[in-house]
Amino acid sequence: KQWYQRRVRDERLLMKLDSIFKAIGVETEEDINRLTEYFIMKGDESTESHSLIHPNQVLKAIRLFVSEGASPNRVQTHKQTVEFDETAAERDSGNDANYRQRLAQILPK
């Protein structure tokens, strides 16, 4: 019974984590590695000691990650198949930067 309860808890945690990753634009292992860098304070290079940021700084780190957007050389791992109406107008990507900036403002400071 304990094994089952742990498994259910782990699956719920995984679903929450997946939702958070999707919300902030984390889609690849490279994105996870980039996000991780925002939570590590670089220490002395000679000792290679690093520590995690203070928990009060986590939202600021996530906000910075979101505001910087996707890496330019990112390869999308999956694509959604969508049928387009050929008479429909082309997507205007001019507001993408504004969208990312507004998304970053959702998180409290």
N, C-alpha and C. Protein backbone atom coordinates (compact mmCIF):
# COMPACT_ATOMS: atom_id res chain seq x y z
N LYS A 1 0.82 -1.19 0.00
CA LYS A 1 0.00 0.00 0.00
C LYS A 1 0.87 1.27 0.00
N GLN A 2 1.94 1.27 0.76
CA GLN A 2 2.84 2.43 0.80
C GLN A 2 3.47 2.66 -0.57
N TRP A 3 3.83 1.59 -1.24
CA TRP A 3 4.43 1.71 -2.57
C TRP A 3 3.45 2.40 -3.52
N TYR A 4 2.18 2.00 -3.46
CA TYR A 4 1.16 2.59 -4.33
C TYR A 4 0.98 4.07 -4.01
N GLN A 5 0.93 4.43 -2.74
CA GLN A 5 0.76 5.82 -2.34
C GLN A 5 1.95 6.67 -2.82
N ARG A 6 3.16 6.14 -2.71
CA ARG A 6 4.34 6.86 -3.19
C ARG A 6 4.27 7.05 -4.70
N ARG A 7 3.85 6.02 -5.39
CA ARG A 7 3.76 6.10 -6.85
C ARG A 7 2.73 7.15 -7.28
N VAL A 8 1.57 7.17 -6.62
CA VAL A 8 0.55 8.17 -6.94
C VAL A 8 1.08 9.56 -6.65
N ARG A 9 1.74 9.74 -5.51
CA ARG A 9 2.31 11.05 -5.15
C ARG A 9 3.36 11.47 -6.18
N ASP A 10 4.22 10.54 -6.58
CA ASP A 10 5.25 10.86 -7.56
C ASP A 10 4.65 11.24 -8.92
N GLU A 11 3.59 10.53 -9.31
CA GLU A 11 2.95 10.85 -10.59
C GLU A 11 2.29 12.22 -10.54
N ARG A 12 1.68 12.57 -9.41
CA ARG A 12 1.09 13.90 -9.27
C ARG A 12 2.16 14.97 -9.34
N LEU A 13 3.27 14.73 -8.66
CA LEU A 13 4.38 15.68 -8.68
C LEU A 13 4.91 15.85 -10.10
N LEU A 14 5.04 14.76 -10.82
CA LEU A 14 5.51 14.81 -12.21
C LEU A 14 4.55 15.60 -13.09
N MET A 15 3.25 15.42 -12.89
CA MET A 15 2.26 16.17 -13.67
C MET A 15 2.34 17.66 -13.35
N LYS A 16 2.53 18.02 -12.09
CA LYS A 16 2.66 19.42 -11.72
C LYS A 16 3.91 20.02 -12.34
N LEU A 17 5.01 19.28 -12.26
CA LEU A 17 6.27 19.76 -12.82
C LEU A 17 6.15 19.94 -14.33
N ASP A 18 5.49 19.01 -15.00
CA ASP A 18 5.29 19.11 -16.44
C ASP A 18 4.47 20.36 -16.78
N SER A 19 3.44 20.64 -15.99
CA SER A 19 2.62 21.83 -16.22
C SER A 19 3.43 23.10 -16.03
N ILE A 20 4.26 23.13 -15.00
CA ILE A 20 5.11 24.30 -14.76
C ILE A 20 6.09 24.49 -15.90
N PHE A 21 6.73 23.42 -16.32
CA PHE A 21 7.68 23.51 -17.43
C PHE A 21 7.00 24.05 -18.69
N LYS A 22 5.83 23.55 -19.00
CA LYS A 22 5.12 24.03 -20.19
C LYS A 22 4.80 25.51 -20.07
N ALA A 23 4.38 25.93 -18.87
CA ALA A 23 3.99 27.32 -18.66
C ALA A 23 5.15 28.29 -18.85
N ILE A 24 6.37 27.86 -18.51
CA ILE A 24 7.52 28.76 -18.63
C ILE A 24 8.36 28.48 -19.87
N GLY A 25 7.90 27.56 -20.71
CA GLY A 25 8.56 27.34 -21.99
C GLY A 25 9.70 26.33 -21.98
N VAL A 26 9.74 25.46 -21.00
CA VAL A 26 10.78 24.43 -20.94
C VAL A 26 10.26 23.20 -21.69
N GLU A 27 10.96 22.86 -22.79
CA GLU A 27 10.50 21.75 -23.62
C GLU A 27 11.59 20.71 -23.87
N THR A 28 12.83 21.06 -23.70
CA THR A 28 13.91 20.14 -24.02
C THR A 28 14.84 19.99 -22.82
N GLU A 29 15.70 19.01 -22.90
CA GLU A 29 16.71 18.81 -21.85
C GLU A 29 17.64 20.03 -21.79
N GLU A 30 17.93 20.61 -22.93
CA GLU A 30 18.74 21.83 -22.97
C GLU A 30 18.08 22.96 -22.18
N ASP A 31 16.75 23.07 -22.31
CA ASP A 31 16.01 24.09 -21.55
C ASP A 31 16.12 23.84 -20.05
N ILE A 32 16.03 22.58 -19.65
CA ILE A 32 16.15 22.24 -18.23
C ILE A 32 17.54 22.61 -17.72
N ASN A 33 18.55 22.33 -18.51
CA ASN A 33 19.92 22.69 -18.11
C ASN A 33 20.09 24.20 -18.01
N ARG A 34 19.50 24.94 -18.97
CA ARG A 34 19.57 26.41 -18.91
C ARG A 34 18.85 26.92 -17.67
N LEU A 35 17.66 26.38 -17.38
CA LEU A 35 16.90 26.80 -16.22
C LEU A 35 17.68 26.52 -14.94
N THR A 36 18.34 25.40 -14.88
CA THR A 36 19.13 25.03 -13.70
C THR A 36 20.20 26.07 -13.40
N GLU A 37 20.79 26.63 -14.44
CA GLU A 37 21.84 27.63 -14.26
C GLU A 37 21.33 28.87 -13.52
N TYR A 38 20.05 29.15 -13.60
CA TYR A 38 19.47 30.31 -12.93
C TYR A 38 19.35 30.10 -11.41
N PHE A 39 19.46 28.85 -10.97
CA PHE A 39 19.32 28.53 -9.55
C PHE A 39 20.65 28.28 -8.85
N ILE A 40 21.74 28.40 -9.57
CA ILE A 40 23.06 28.12 -9.00
C ILE A 40 23.87 29.40 -8.91
N MET A 41 24.42 29.67 -7.74
CA MET A 41 25.33 30.81 -7.57
C MET A 41 26.75 30.28 -7.77
N LYS A 42 27.43 30.90 -8.68
CA LYS A 42 28.80 30.48 -8.96
C LYS A 42 29.71 30.89 -7.81
N GLY A 43 30.52 29.96 -7.38
CA GLY A 43 31.45 30.25 -6.29
C GLY A 43 32.82 30.54 -6.83
N ASP A 44 33.80 30.30 -6.02
CA ASP A 44 35.19 30.52 -6.38
C ASP A 44 35.58 29.50 -7.45
N GLU A 45 36.12 29.97 -8.56
CA GLU A 45 36.47 29.07 -9.66
C GLU A 45 37.59 28.11 -9.29
N SER A 46 38.47 28.50 -8.37
CA SER A 46 39.58 27.62 -8.00
C SER A 46 39.08 26.41 -7.21
N THR A 47 38.02 26.58 -6.43
CA THR A 47 37.49 25.45 -5.65
C THR A 47 36.28 24.81 -6.32
N GLU A 48 35.76 25.46 -7.35
CA GLU A 48 34.58 24.99 -8.07
C GLU A 48 33.41 24.74 -7.14
N SER A 49 33.32 25.53 -6.07
CA SER A 49 32.20 25.37 -5.15
C SER A 49 31.05 26.25 -5.60
N HIS A 50 29.88 25.67 -5.62
CA HIS A 50 28.68 26.38 -6.02
C HIS A 50 27.61 26.14 -4.97
N SER A 51 26.68 27.05 -4.88
CA SER A 51 25.56 26.86 -3.97
C SER A 51 24.28 27.30 -4.66
N LEU A 52 23.16 26.88 -4.11
CA LEU A 52 21.87 27.25 -4.67
C LEU A 52 21.48 28.64 -4.21
N ILE A 53 20.69 29.31 -5.02
CA ILE A 53 20.20 30.63 -4.65
C ILE A 53 19.25 30.49 -3.46
N HIS A 54 19.01 31.59 -2.78
CA HIS A 54 18.09 31.60 -1.65
C HIS A 54 16.67 31.37 -2.17
N PRO A 55 15.84 30.63 -1.43
CA PRO A 55 14.46 30.37 -1.89
C PRO A 55 13.68 31.64 -2.22
N ASN A 56 13.98 32.75 -1.57
CA ASN A 56 13.28 34.00 -1.87
C ASN A 56 13.64 34.54 -3.26
N GLN A 57 14.69 34.03 -3.86
CA GLN A 57 15.14 34.50 -5.17
C GLN A 57 14.64 33.63 -6.32
N VAL A 58 13.93 32.55 -6.01
CA VAL A 58 13.50 31.60 -7.04
C VAL A 58 12.57 32.26 -8.06
N LEU A 59 11.57 33.00 -7.61
CA LEU A 59 10.65 33.64 -8.56
C LEU A 59 11.37 34.64 -9.46
N LYS A 60 12.32 35.36 -8.91
CA LYS A 60 13.10 36.30 -9.74
C LYS A 60 13.90 35.54 -10.79
N ALA A 61 14.46 34.39 -10.40
CA ALA A 61 15.24 33.59 -11.34
C ALA A 61 14.34 33.06 -12.46
N ILE A 62 13.15 32.59 -12.10
CA ILE A 62 12.22 32.08 -13.12
C ILE A 62 11.78 33.22 -14.03
N ARG A 63 11.50 34.37 -13.45
CA ARG A 63 11.10 35.53 -14.26
C ARG A 63 12.21 35.87 -15.27
N LEU A 64 13.45 35.87 -14.84
CA LEU A 64 14.56 36.18 -15.73
C LEU A 64 14.66 35.13 -16.84
N PHE A 65 14.51 33.87 -16.48
CA PHE A 65 14.54 32.78 -17.46
C PHE A 65 13.46 32.99 -18.53
N VAL A 66 12.24 33.28 -18.08
CA VAL A 66 11.12 33.47 -19.01
C VAL A 66 11.34 34.70 -19.88
N SER A 67 11.84 35.78 -19.29
CA SER A 67 12.02 37.01 -20.06
C SER A 67 13.10 36.88 -21.12
N GLU A 68 14.06 36.02 -20.90
CA GLU A 68 15.12 35.82 -21.90
C GLU A 68 14.67 34.92 -23.04
N GLY A 69 13.58 34.21 -22.86
CA GLY A 69 12.99 33.42 -23.94
C GLY A 69 13.81 32.22 -24.32
N ALA A 70 13.44 31.64 -25.44
CA ALA A 70 14.08 30.42 -25.93
C ALA A 70 15.44 30.71 -26.54
N SER A 71 16.29 29.73 -26.47
CA SER A 71 17.61 29.87 -27.08
C SER A 71 17.46 29.86 -28.60
N PRO A 72 18.28 30.64 -29.31
CA PRO A 72 18.11 30.76 -30.77
C PRO A 72 18.40 29.48 -31.53
N ASN A 73 19.22 28.58 -30.99
CA ASN A 73 19.57 27.37 -31.72
C ASN A 73 18.78 26.16 -31.23
N ARG A 74 17.66 26.40 -30.61
CA ARG A 74 16.85 25.35 -30.04
C ARG A 74 16.14 24.55 -31.13
N VAL A 75 16.13 23.25 -30.95
CA VAL A 75 15.44 22.37 -31.87
C VAL A 75 14.18 21.88 -31.18
N GLN A 76 13.06 22.03 -31.83
CA GLN A 76 11.81 21.58 -31.23
C GLN A 76 11.74 20.06 -31.33
N THR A 77 11.39 19.41 -30.21
CA THR A 77 11.39 17.95 -30.17
C THR A 77 10.10 17.35 -30.70
N HIS A 78 9.01 18.08 -30.66
CA HIS A 78 7.76 17.57 -31.18
C HIS A 78 6.95 18.72 -31.76
N LYS A 79 6.13 18.38 -32.73
CA LYS A 79 5.31 19.41 -33.37
C LYS A 79 3.88 18.92 -33.40
N GLN A 80 2.99 19.82 -33.20
CA GLN A 80 1.58 19.50 -33.25
C GLN A 80 1.13 19.59 -34.71
N THR A 81 0.40 18.61 -35.14
CA THR A 81 -0.10 18.62 -36.51
C THR A 81 -1.39 19.42 -36.55
N VAL A 82 -1.41 20.43 -37.38
CA VAL A 82 -2.57 21.31 -37.50
C VAL A 82 -2.86 21.50 -38.98
N GLU A 83 -4.13 21.40 -39.32
CA GLU A 83 -4.52 21.68 -40.69
C GLU A 83 -4.87 23.16 -40.79
N PHE A 84 -4.27 23.85 -41.74
CA PHE A 84 -4.49 25.28 -41.89
C PHE A 84 -5.43 25.54 -43.06
N ASP A 85 -6.24 26.52 -42.86
CA ASP A 85 -7.10 27.00 -43.93
C ASP A 85 -6.23 27.87 -44.82
N GLU A 86 -6.09 27.52 -46.07
CA GLU A 86 -5.21 28.26 -46.96
C GLU A 86 -5.63 29.70 -47.15
N THR A 87 -6.87 30.01 -46.88
CA THR A 87 -7.34 31.38 -47.03
C THR A 87 -7.09 32.20 -45.76
N ALA A 88 -6.66 31.54 -44.67
CA ALA A 88 -6.42 32.26 -43.41
C ALA A 88 -5.17 33.12 -43.51
N ALA A 89 -5.16 34.20 -42.73
CA ALA A 89 -4.00 35.10 -42.73
C ALA A 89 -2.82 34.43 -42.03
N GLU A 90 -1.62 34.84 -42.42
CA GLU A 90 -0.41 34.31 -41.80
C GLU A 90 -0.29 34.80 -40.36
N ARG A 91 0.32 34.00 -39.50
CA ARG A 91 0.49 34.37 -38.10
C ARG A 91 1.42 35.56 -37.99
N ASP A 92 1.02 36.55 -37.20
CA ASP A 92 1.85 37.73 -36.96
C ASP A 92 2.67 37.48 -35.70
N SER A 93 3.97 37.33 -35.84
CA SER A 93 4.84 37.06 -34.69
C SER A 93 5.42 38.34 -34.11
N GLY A 94 4.92 39.47 -34.51
CA GLY A 94 5.43 40.76 -34.04
C GLY A 94 5.22 41.00 -32.56
N ASN A 95 4.25 40.35 -31.96
CA ASN A 95 3.97 40.57 -30.55
C ASN A 95 4.59 39.51 -29.64
N ASP A 96 5.42 38.63 -30.16
CA ASP A 96 6.00 37.57 -29.35
C ASP A 96 6.82 38.11 -28.18
N ALA A 97 7.65 39.10 -28.43
CA ALA A 97 8.49 39.68 -27.36
C ALA A 97 7.60 40.31 -26.29
N ASN A 98 6.56 41.00 -26.72
CA ASN A 98 5.62 41.60 -25.78
C ASN A 98 4.94 40.52 -24.95
N TYR A 99 4.57 39.41 -25.58
CA TYR A 99 3.93 38.29 -24.87
C TYR A 99 4.87 37.73 -23.80
N ARG A 100 6.13 37.51 -24.15
CA ARG A 100 7.10 36.98 -23.18
C ARG A 100 7.28 37.94 -22.01
N GLN A 101 7.32 39.23 -22.32
CA GLN A 101 7.49 40.22 -21.26
C GLN A 101 6.28 40.21 -20.32
N ARG A 102 5.08 40.13 -20.89
CA ARG A 102 3.87 40.08 -20.06
C ARG A 102 3.81 38.80 -19.25
N LEU A 103 4.26 37.69 -19.84
CA LEU A 103 4.29 36.41 -19.14
C LEU A 103 5.23 36.49 -17.93
N ALA A 104 6.36 37.16 -18.10
CA ALA A 104 7.31 37.30 -17.00
C ALA A 104 6.72 38.15 -15.88
N GLN A 105 5.81 39.06 -16.19
CA GLN A 105 5.21 39.92 -15.19
C GLN A 105 4.13 39.23 -14.38
N ILE A 106 3.70 38.07 -14.81
CA ILE A 106 2.68 37.32 -14.06
C ILE A 106 3.25 36.86 -12.72
N LEU A 107 4.53 36.50 -12.73
CA LEU A 107 5.15 36.02 -11.50
C LEU A 107 5.38 37.21 -10.56
N PRO A 108 5.06 37.05 -9.28
CA PRO A 108 5.29 38.17 -8.34
C PRO A 108 6.77 38.41 -8.14
N LYS A 109 7.08 39.68 -7.83
CA LYS A 109 8.49 40.04 -7.65
C LYS A 109 9.00 39.60 -6.32
